[in-house]
């Protein structure tokens, strides 16, 4: 999947998140490819469970992706 397709998927998921207060997300690490589930409004930075890199940081509300990409919106 190209980075342009990933950006399109991410923007669609962000729009879906805007309709609800919060959801759970499956995030994939760009470094090692590990996947994990996290809350869309984390109170602490989200680290990869495999390589310990920061995948997303909190902005006071929704998460901001740093080293990861959203793979799936979980309901």
C-alpha atoms as a PDB file:
ATOM      1  CA  UNK A   1       0.000   0.000   0.000  1.00  0.00           C
ATOM      2  CA  UNK A   2       1.418   3.406  -0.936  1.00  0.00           C
ATOM      3  CA  UNK A   3       1.788   6.303   1.472  1.00  0.00           C
ATOM      4  CA  UNK A   4      -0.893   8.201  -0.467  1.00  0.00           C
ATOM      5  CA  UNK A   5      -3.353   5.328   0.070  1.00  0.00           C
ATOM      6  CA  UNK A   6      -2.397   5.208   3.773  1.00  0.00           C
ATOM      7  CA  UNK A   7      -3.048   8.952   4.087  1.00  0.00           C
ATOM      8  CA  UNK A   8      -6.475   8.480   2.472  1.00  0.00           C
ATOM      9  CA  UNK A   9      -7.340   5.628   4.853  1.00  0.00           C
ATOM     10  CA  UNK A  10      -6.082   7.665   7.836  1.00  0.00           C
ATOM     11  CA  UNK A  11      -8.141  10.714   6.818  1.00  0.00           C
ATOM     12  CA  UNK A  12     -11.292   8.571   6.413  1.00  0.00           C
ATOM     13  CA  UNK A  13     -10.753   7.072   9.862  1.00  0.00           C
ATOM     14  CA  UNK A  14     -10.179  10.502  11.384  1.00  0.00           C
ATOM     15  CA  UNK A  15     -13.463  11.701   9.848  1.00  0.00           C
ATOM     16  CA  UNK A  16     -15.228   8.685  11.346  1.00  0.00           C
ATOM     17  CA  UNK A  17     -13.656   9.455  14.710  1.00  0.00           C
ATOM     18  CA  UNK A  18     -15.009  12.988  14.507  1.00  0.00           C
ATOM     19  CA  UNK A  19     -18.566  11.615  14.498  1.00  0.00           C
ATOM     20  CA  UNK A  20     -18.121   9.792  17.801  1.00  0.00           C
ATOM     21  CA  UNK A  21     -16.569  10.768  21.093  1.00  0.00           C
ATOM     22  CA  UNK A  22     -13.993   7.956  21.094  1.00  0.00           C
ATOM     23  CA  UNK A  23     -13.113   4.547  19.683  1.00  0.00           C
ATOM     24  CA  UNK A  24     -10.440   1.921  19.793  1.00  0.00           C
ATOM     25  CA  UNK A  25      -7.886   1.775  16.985  1.00  0.00           C
ATOM     26  CA  UNK A  26      -5.484  -0.848  15.706  1.00  0.00           C
ATOM     27  CA  UNK A  27      -2.130   0.856  15.067  1.00  0.00           C
ATOM     28  CA  UNK A  28       0.809  -0.608  13.140  1.00  0.00           C
ATOM     29  CA  UNK A  29       4.418   0.337  13.918  1.00  0.00           C
ATOM     30  CA  UNK A  30       6.319   1.686  10.906  1.00  0.00           C
ATOM     31  CA  UNK A  31       9.587   0.366  12.361  1.00  0.00           C
ATOM     32  CA  UNK A  32       8.958  -3.300  13.163  1.00  0.00           C
ATOM     33  CA  UNK A  33       5.439  -3.907  11.780  1.00  0.00           C
ATOM     34  CA  UNK A  34       4.002  -4.829  15.164  1.00  0.00           C
ATOM     35  CA  UNK A  35       0.308  -4.080  15.703  1.00  0.00           C
ATOM     36  CA  UNK A  36      -1.554  -3.137  18.857  1.00  0.00           C
ATOM     37  CA  UNK A  37      -4.906  -1.795  19.940  1.00  0.00           C
ATOM     38  CA  UNK A  38      -5.138   1.614  21.609  1.00  0.00           C
ATOM     39  CA  UNK A  39      -7.749   4.152  22.624  1.00  0.00           C
ATOM     40  CA  UNK A  40      -8.378   7.084  20.256  1.00  0.00           C
ATOM     41  CA  UNK A  41      -7.929   9.548  23.147  1.00  0.00           C
ATOM     42  CA  UNK A  42      -4.884   8.262  25.041  1.00  0.00           C
ATOM     43  CA  UNK A  43      -3.752   9.980  28.239  1.00  0.00           C
ATOM     44  CA  UNK A  44      -0.144   8.804  27.779  1.00  0.00           C
ATOM     45  CA  UNK A  45       2.093   8.288  24.722  1.00  0.00           C
ATOM     46  CA  UNK A  46       1.456   4.967  22.955  1.00  0.00           C
ATOM     47  CA  UNK A  47       4.628   2.862  22.599  1.00  0.00           C
ATOM     48  CA  UNK A  48       5.181  -0.189  20.405  1.00  0.00           C
ATOM     49  CA  UNK A  49       5.105  -3.341  22.509  1.00  0.00           C
ATOM     50  CA  UNK A  50       7.776  -4.950  20.303  1.00  0.00           C
ATOM     51  CA  UNK A  51      10.441  -2.276  19.658  1.00  0.00           C
ATOM     52  CA  UNK A  52       9.421   0.359  22.291  1.00  0.00           C
ATOM     53  CA  UNK A  53       9.225   3.260  19.780  1.00  0.00           C
ATOM     54  CA  UNK A  54       6.587   5.950  20.358  1.00  0.00           C
ATOM     55  CA  UNK A  55       3.739   5.315  17.892  1.00  0.00           C
ATOM     56  CA  UNK A  56       1.432   8.143  18.922  1.00  0.00           C
ATOM     57  CA  UNK A  57       1.364  10.964  21.413  1.00  0.00           C
ATOM     58  CA  UNK A  58      -1.507  12.648  23.165  1.00  0.00           C
ATOM     59  CA  UNK A  59      -2.552  16.166  22.239  1.00  0.00           C
ATOM     60  CA  UNK A  60      -4.976  16.672  25.088  1.00  0.00           C
ATOM     61  CA  UNK A  61      -7.740  15.091  23.052  1.00  0.00           C
ATOM     62  CA  UNK A  62      -7.204  12.819  20.041  1.00  0.00           C
ATOM     63  CA  UNK A  63      -3.956  11.003  19.425  1.00  0.00           C
ATOM     64  CA  UNK A  64      -1.314  12.298  17.016  1.00  0.00           C
ATOM     65  CA  UNK A  65       0.558   9.636  15.053  1.00  0.00           C
ATOM     66  CA  UNK A  66       4.344   9.819  15.305  1.00  0.00           C
ATOM     67  CA  UNK A  67       5.827   6.490  14.143  1.00  0.00           C
ATOM     68  CA  UNK A  68       2.692   4.463  13.394  1.00  0.00           C
ATOM     69  CA  UNK A  69      -0.290   4.255  11.114  1.00  0.00           C
ATOM     70  CA  UNK A  70      -3.933   3.423  11.764  1.00  0.00           C
ATOM     71  CA  UNK A  71      -4.773   0.023  10.324  1.00  0.00           C
ATOM     72  CA  UNK A  72      -8.349  -0.449  11.521  1.00  0.00           C
ATOM     73  CA  UNK A  73     -11.090   1.300  13.428  1.00  0.00           C
ATOM     74  CA  UNK A  74     -12.525  -1.120  15.991  1.00  0.00           C
ATOM     75  CA  UNK A  75     -16.145  -0.808  17.105  1.00  0.00           C
END
